[in-house]
Amino acid sequence: MNQNHITKIAKELKLKEKQVSATAQLLEEDATIPFIARYRKEATGSLDEIAITTIRDSLHQLQELDKRREAIPKSLEERELLTNELKSKDYSSRNHGCP
């Protein structure tokens, strides 16, 4: 679980980080959305199924972006297109305002 993702989602959805973190943990443990909404209200602060689904989808999207950020330089390096200038740059979302 990436704390930066938790913080970003909490800000976007105007939720407490604790709610997003608890939801993310339950999702990692393969709890279903209906189960979380009905039986884990104390952990999530009574989030409904729509909020839980939005958190799940946002987490997935951010994880996919992280994978892509790792894959692009590897792909460029394999094709011998990765220059020293590109190697030295940090393409993380915190420096470029990307999601």
N, C-alpha and C. Protein backbone atom coordinates (compact mmCIF):
# COMPACT_ATOMS: atom_id res chain seq x y z
N MET A 1 0.85 -1.17 0.00
CA MET A 1 0.00 0.00 0.00
C MET A 1 0.90 1.24 0.00
N ASN A 2 0.67 2.11 -0.95
CA ASN A 2 1.48 3.30 -1.12
C ASN A 2 0.82 4.48 -0.38
N GLN A 3 1.54 5.03 0.58
CA GLN A 3 0.99 6.13 1.39
C GLN A 3 0.70 7.36 0.54
N ASN A 4 1.51 7.60 -0.49
CA ASN A 4 1.24 8.75 -1.38
C ASN A 4 -0.10 8.58 -2.08
N HIS A 5 -0.41 7.36 -2.48
CA HIS A 5 -1.69 7.09 -3.12
C HIS A 5 -2.84 7.34 -2.14
N ILE A 6 -2.67 6.88 -0.92
CA ILE A 6 -3.70 7.05 0.11
C ILE A 6 -3.98 8.54 0.33
N THR A 7 -2.90 9.32 0.47
CA THR A 7 -3.03 10.76 0.70
C THR A 7 -3.72 11.44 -0.47
N LYS A 8 -3.31 11.10 -1.68
CA LYS A 8 -3.88 11.72 -2.88
C LYS A 8 -5.39 11.42 -2.99
N ILE A 9 -5.75 10.17 -2.78
CA ILE A 9 -7.16 9.77 -2.88
C ILE A 9 -7.98 10.46 -1.79
N ALA A 10 -7.45 10.50 -0.58
CA ALA A 10 -8.17 11.15 0.53
C ALA A 10 -8.44 12.62 0.20
N LYS A 11 -7.46 13.30 -0.35
CA LYS A 11 -7.65 14.71 -0.70
C LYS A 11 -8.67 14.85 -1.83
N GLU A 12 -8.56 14.02 -2.85
CA GLU A 12 -9.47 14.12 -3.99
C GLU A 12 -10.92 13.85 -3.60
N LEU A 13 -11.12 12.88 -2.72
CA LEU A 13 -12.47 12.49 -2.34
C LEU A 13 -12.95 13.19 -1.06
N LYS A 14 -12.09 14.04 -0.50
CA LYS A 14 -12.41 14.76 0.73
C LYS A 14 -12.78 13.80 1.86
N LEU A 15 -11.93 12.79 2.02
CA LEU A 15 -12.09 11.80 3.08
C LEU A 15 -10.87 11.87 4.00
N LYS A 16 -10.97 11.22 5.14
CA LYS A 16 -9.83 11.11 6.04
C LYS A 16 -8.91 10.02 5.51
N GLU A 17 -7.60 10.24 5.67
CA GLU A 17 -6.63 9.23 5.23
C GLU A 17 -6.89 7.90 5.92
N LYS A 18 -7.33 7.95 7.18
CA LYS A 18 -7.61 6.72 7.92
C LYS A 18 -8.69 5.90 7.22
N GLN A 19 -9.72 6.57 6.69
CA GLN A 19 -10.80 5.86 5.99
C GLN A 19 -10.27 5.19 4.72
N VAL A 20 -9.49 5.93 3.97
CA VAL A 20 -8.96 5.41 2.70
C VAL A 20 -7.98 4.28 2.99
N SER A 21 -7.14 4.45 3.98
CA SER A 21 -6.15 3.43 4.34
C SER A 21 -6.83 2.14 4.80
N ALA A 22 -7.85 2.26 5.64
CA ALA A 22 -8.57 1.08 6.13
C ALA A 22 -9.26 0.37 4.97
N THR A 23 -9.86 1.14 4.08
CA THR A 23 -10.53 0.56 2.92
C THR A 23 -9.53 -0.16 2.02
N ALA A 24 -8.39 0.48 1.77
CA ALA A 24 -7.35 -0.13 0.94
C ALA A 24 -6.85 -1.44 1.56
N GLN A 25 -6.68 -1.43 2.86
CA GLN A 25 -6.22 -2.65 3.55
C GLN A 25 -7.24 -3.77 3.40
N LEU A 26 -8.50 -3.47 3.59
CA LEU A 26 -9.55 -4.48 3.44
C LEU A 26 -9.62 -5.00 2.01
N LEU A 27 -9.46 -4.13 1.05
CA LEU A 27 -9.47 -4.55 -0.36
C LEU A 27 -8.27 -5.45 -0.66
N GLU A 28 -7.10 -5.12 -0.08
CA GLU A 28 -5.92 -5.97 -0.26
C GLU A 28 -6.13 -7.36 0.32
N GLU A 29 -6.96 -7.44 1.36
CA GLU A 29 -7.27 -8.72 2.00
C GLU A 29 -8.39 -9.45 1.28
N ASP A 30 -8.75 -8.95 0.09
CA ASP A 30 -9.78 -9.54 -0.77
C ASP A 30 -11.19 -9.48 -0.21
N ALA A 31 -11.44 -8.51 0.65
CA ALA A 31 -12.81 -8.29 1.11
C ALA A 31 -13.60 -7.68 -0.05
N THR A 32 -14.84 -8.08 -0.18
CA THR A 32 -15.68 -7.54 -1.26
C THR A 32 -16.23 -6.17 -0.85
N ILE A 33 -16.61 -5.40 -1.85
CA ILE A 33 -17.16 -4.07 -1.58
C ILE A 33 -18.43 -4.14 -0.74
N PRO A 34 -19.38 -5.01 -1.05
CA PRO A 34 -20.58 -5.10 -0.19
C PRO A 34 -20.24 -5.49 1.25
N PHE A 35 -19.28 -6.40 1.42
CA PHE A 35 -18.87 -6.82 2.76
C PHE A 35 -18.29 -5.65 3.53
N ILE A 36 -17.41 -4.89 2.89
CA ILE A 36 -16.79 -3.74 3.55
C ILE A 36 -17.86 -2.72 3.94
N ALA A 37 -18.75 -2.42 3.01
CA ALA A 37 -19.79 -1.41 3.26
C ALA A 37 -20.73 -1.82 4.39
N ARG A 38 -21.04 -3.11 4.48
CA ARG A 38 -22.02 -3.56 5.47
C ARG A 38 -21.42 -3.93 6.82
N TYR A 39 -20.26 -4.58 6.79
CA TYR A 39 -19.75 -5.17 8.03
C TYR A 39 -18.46 -4.55 8.56
N ARG A 40 -17.91 -3.58 7.86
CA ARG A 40 -16.68 -2.94 8.32
C ARG A 40 -16.84 -1.43 8.42
N LYS A 41 -18.05 -1.01 8.77
CA LYS A 41 -18.35 0.42 8.89
C LYS A 41 -17.47 1.10 9.93
N GLU A 42 -17.16 0.38 11.01
CA GLU A 42 -16.32 0.97 12.06
C GLU A 42 -14.91 1.26 11.55
N ALA A 43 -14.42 0.47 10.63
CA ALA A 43 -13.07 0.67 10.09
C ALA A 43 -13.03 1.78 9.03
N THR A 44 -14.10 1.87 8.25
CA THR A 44 -14.10 2.81 7.13
C THR A 44 -14.82 4.12 7.43
N GLY A 45 -15.36 4.26 8.61
CA GLY A 45 -16.10 5.46 8.92
C GLY A 45 -17.42 5.51 8.18
N SER A 46 -18.03 4.36 8.00
CA SER A 46 -19.35 4.22 7.36
C SER A 46 -19.37 4.64 5.90
N LEU A 47 -18.31 4.36 5.17
CA LEU A 47 -18.31 4.64 3.73
C LEU A 47 -19.32 3.74 3.03
N ASP A 48 -19.98 4.29 2.02
CA ASP A 48 -20.94 3.48 1.26
C ASP A 48 -20.23 2.76 0.10
N GLU A 49 -20.97 1.94 -0.60
CA GLU A 49 -20.39 1.15 -1.70
C GLU A 49 -19.82 2.02 -2.80
N ILE A 50 -20.44 3.15 -3.05
CA ILE A 50 -19.95 4.04 -4.11
C ILE A 50 -18.57 4.61 -3.75
N ALA A 51 -18.41 5.05 -2.51
CA ALA A 51 -17.12 5.59 -2.07
C ALA A 51 -16.04 4.51 -2.08
N ILE A 52 -16.40 3.32 -1.63
CA ILE A 52 -15.44 2.21 -1.59
C ILE A 52 -15.02 1.83 -3.01
N THR A 53 -15.98 1.80 -3.92
CA THR A 53 -15.68 1.50 -5.32
C THR A 53 -14.77 2.56 -5.91
N THR A 54 -15.02 3.81 -5.60
CA THR A 54 -14.19 4.90 -6.10
C THR A 54 -12.76 4.78 -5.56
N ILE A 55 -12.62 4.44 -4.29
CA ILE A 55 -11.29 4.23 -3.71
C ILE A 55 -10.59 3.08 -4.41
N ARG A 56 -11.30 1.97 -4.60
CA ARG A 56 -10.71 0.81 -5.29
C ARG A 56 -10.23 1.18 -6.68
N ASP A 57 -11.08 1.87 -7.43
CA ASP A 57 -10.73 2.24 -8.80
C ASP A 57 -9.56 3.22 -8.85
N SER A 58 -9.55 4.16 -7.92
CA SER A 58 -8.45 5.14 -7.87
C SER A 58 -7.13 4.47 -7.51
N LEU A 59 -7.17 3.55 -6.55
CA LEU A 59 -5.96 2.81 -6.19
C LEU A 59 -5.43 2.03 -7.39
N HIS A 60 -6.33 1.37 -8.09
CA HIS A 60 -5.94 0.59 -9.26
C HIS A 60 -5.31 1.49 -10.32
N GLN A 61 -5.93 2.62 -10.57
CA GLN A 61 -5.42 3.54 -11.58
C GLN A 61 -4.02 4.05 -11.21
N LEU A 62 -3.82 4.42 -9.96
CA LEU A 62 -2.52 4.92 -9.53
C LEU A 62 -1.46 3.82 -9.58
N GLN A 63 -1.83 2.59 -9.25
CA GLN A 63 -0.88 1.47 -9.33
C GLN A 63 -0.49 1.20 -10.77
N GLU A 64 -1.45 1.29 -11.68
CA GLU A 64 -1.16 1.09 -13.10
C GLU A 64 -0.24 2.19 -13.63
N LEU A 65 -0.45 3.41 -13.18
CA LEU A 65 0.44 4.50 -13.59
C LEU A 65 1.86 4.27 -13.08
N ASP A 66 1.99 3.78 -11.85
CA ASP A 66 3.32 3.47 -11.32
C ASP A 66 4.01 2.40 -12.16
N LYS A 67 3.27 1.37 -12.54
CA LYS A 67 3.84 0.31 -13.38
C LYS A 67 4.30 0.87 -14.71
N ARG A 68 3.49 1.75 -15.26
CA ARG A 68 3.82 2.35 -16.55
C ARG A 68 5.07 3.22 -16.45
N ARG A 69 5.18 3.97 -15.36
CA ARG A 69 6.36 4.81 -15.15
C ARG A 69 7.64 3.97 -15.05
N GLU A 70 7.50 2.76 -14.54
CA GLU A 70 8.65 1.86 -14.47
C GLU A 70 8.94 1.22 -15.81
N ALA A 71 7.90 0.92 -16.56
CA ALA A 71 8.07 0.20 -17.83
C ALA A 71 8.65 1.07 -18.94
N ILE A 72 8.32 2.33 -18.96
CA ILE A 72 8.77 3.20 -20.06
C ILE A 72 10.29 3.30 -20.12
N PRO A 73 10.98 3.64 -19.03
CA PRO A 73 12.44 3.70 -19.12
C PRO A 73 13.08 2.35 -19.49
N LYS A 74 12.50 1.26 -18.98
CA LYS A 74 13.03 -0.07 -19.33
C LYS A 74 12.88 -0.34 -20.82
N SER A 75 11.74 0.03 -21.36
CA SER A 75 11.51 -0.16 -22.79
C SER A 75 12.48 0.68 -23.62
N LEU A 76 12.67 1.91 -23.22
CA LEU A 76 13.60 2.78 -23.94
C LEU A 76 15.03 2.24 -23.86
N GLU A 77 15.39 1.72 -22.70
CA GLU A 77 16.74 1.17 -22.52
C GLU A 77 16.94 -0.06 -23.39
N GLU A 78 15.95 -0.93 -23.45
CA GLU A 78 16.04 -2.14 -24.27
C GLU A 78 16.22 -1.80 -25.75
N ARG A 79 15.59 -0.71 -26.18
CA ARG A 79 15.69 -0.31 -27.58
C ARG A 79 16.84 0.66 -27.82
N GLU A 80 17.65 0.87 -26.77
CA GLU A 80 18.82 1.75 -26.82
C GLU A 80 18.43 3.18 -27.19
N LEU A 81 17.32 3.63 -26.66
CA LEU A 81 16.85 5.00 -26.90
C LEU A 81 16.91 5.86 -25.64
N LEU A 82 17.34 5.27 -24.55
CA LEU A 82 17.40 5.99 -23.28
C LEU A 82 18.70 6.77 -23.20
N THR A 83 18.60 8.08 -23.29
CA THR A 83 19.79 8.93 -23.25
C THR A 83 20.17 9.23 -21.80
N ASN A 84 21.37 9.75 -21.61
CA ASN A 84 21.81 10.12 -20.27
C ASN A 84 20.92 11.22 -19.68
N GLU A 85 20.45 12.11 -20.54
CA GLU A 85 19.56 13.18 -20.08
C GLU A 85 18.26 12.59 -19.53
N LEU A 86 17.69 11.63 -20.24
CA LEU A 86 16.46 10.99 -19.77
C LEU A 86 16.70 10.18 -18.50
N LYS A 87 17.86 9.52 -18.42
CA LYS A 87 18.17 8.73 -17.22
C LYS A 87 18.22 9.61 -15.97
N SER A 88 18.70 10.83 -16.13
CA SER A 88 18.89 11.71 -14.97
C SER A 88 17.60 12.36 -14.50
N LYS A 89 16.56 12.33 -15.30
CA LYS A 89 15.30 12.98 -14.93
C LYS A 89 14.47 12.08 -14.03
N ASP A 90 13.74 12.74 -13.14
CA ASP A 90 12.81 12.04 -12.26
C ASP A 90 11.41 12.28 -12.79
N TYR A 91 10.77 11.23 -13.28
CA TYR A 91 9.44 11.38 -13.88
C TYR A 91 8.33 11.00 -12.92
N SER A 92 8.55 11.17 -11.63
CA SER A 92 7.51 10.81 -10.68
C SER A 92 6.41 11.86 -10.70
N SER A 93 5.24 11.46 -10.24
CA SER A 93 4.06 12.33 -10.28
C SER A 93 4.23 13.55 -9.38
N ARG A 94 4.99 13.45 -8.34
CA ARG A 94 5.10 14.59 -7.42
C ARG A 94 5.85 15.75 -8.05
N ASN A 95 6.66 15.49 -9.09
CA ASN A 95 7.39 16.57 -9.74
C ASN A 95 6.68 17.14 -10.94
N HIS A 96 5.68 16.46 -11.46
CA HIS A 96 5.06 16.88 -12.69
C HIS A 96 3.57 17.09 -12.59
N GLY A 97 3.01 16.94 -11.41
CA GLY A 97 1.59 17.17 -11.24
C GLY A 97 0.70 16.15 -11.93
N CYS A 98 1.23 15.00 -12.26
CA CYS A 98 0.43 13.96 -12.89
C CYS A 98 -0.35 13.20 -11.83
N PRO A 99 -1.41 12.51 -12.24
CA PRO A 99 -2.20 11.74 -11.25
C PRO A 99 -1.42 10.58 -10.68
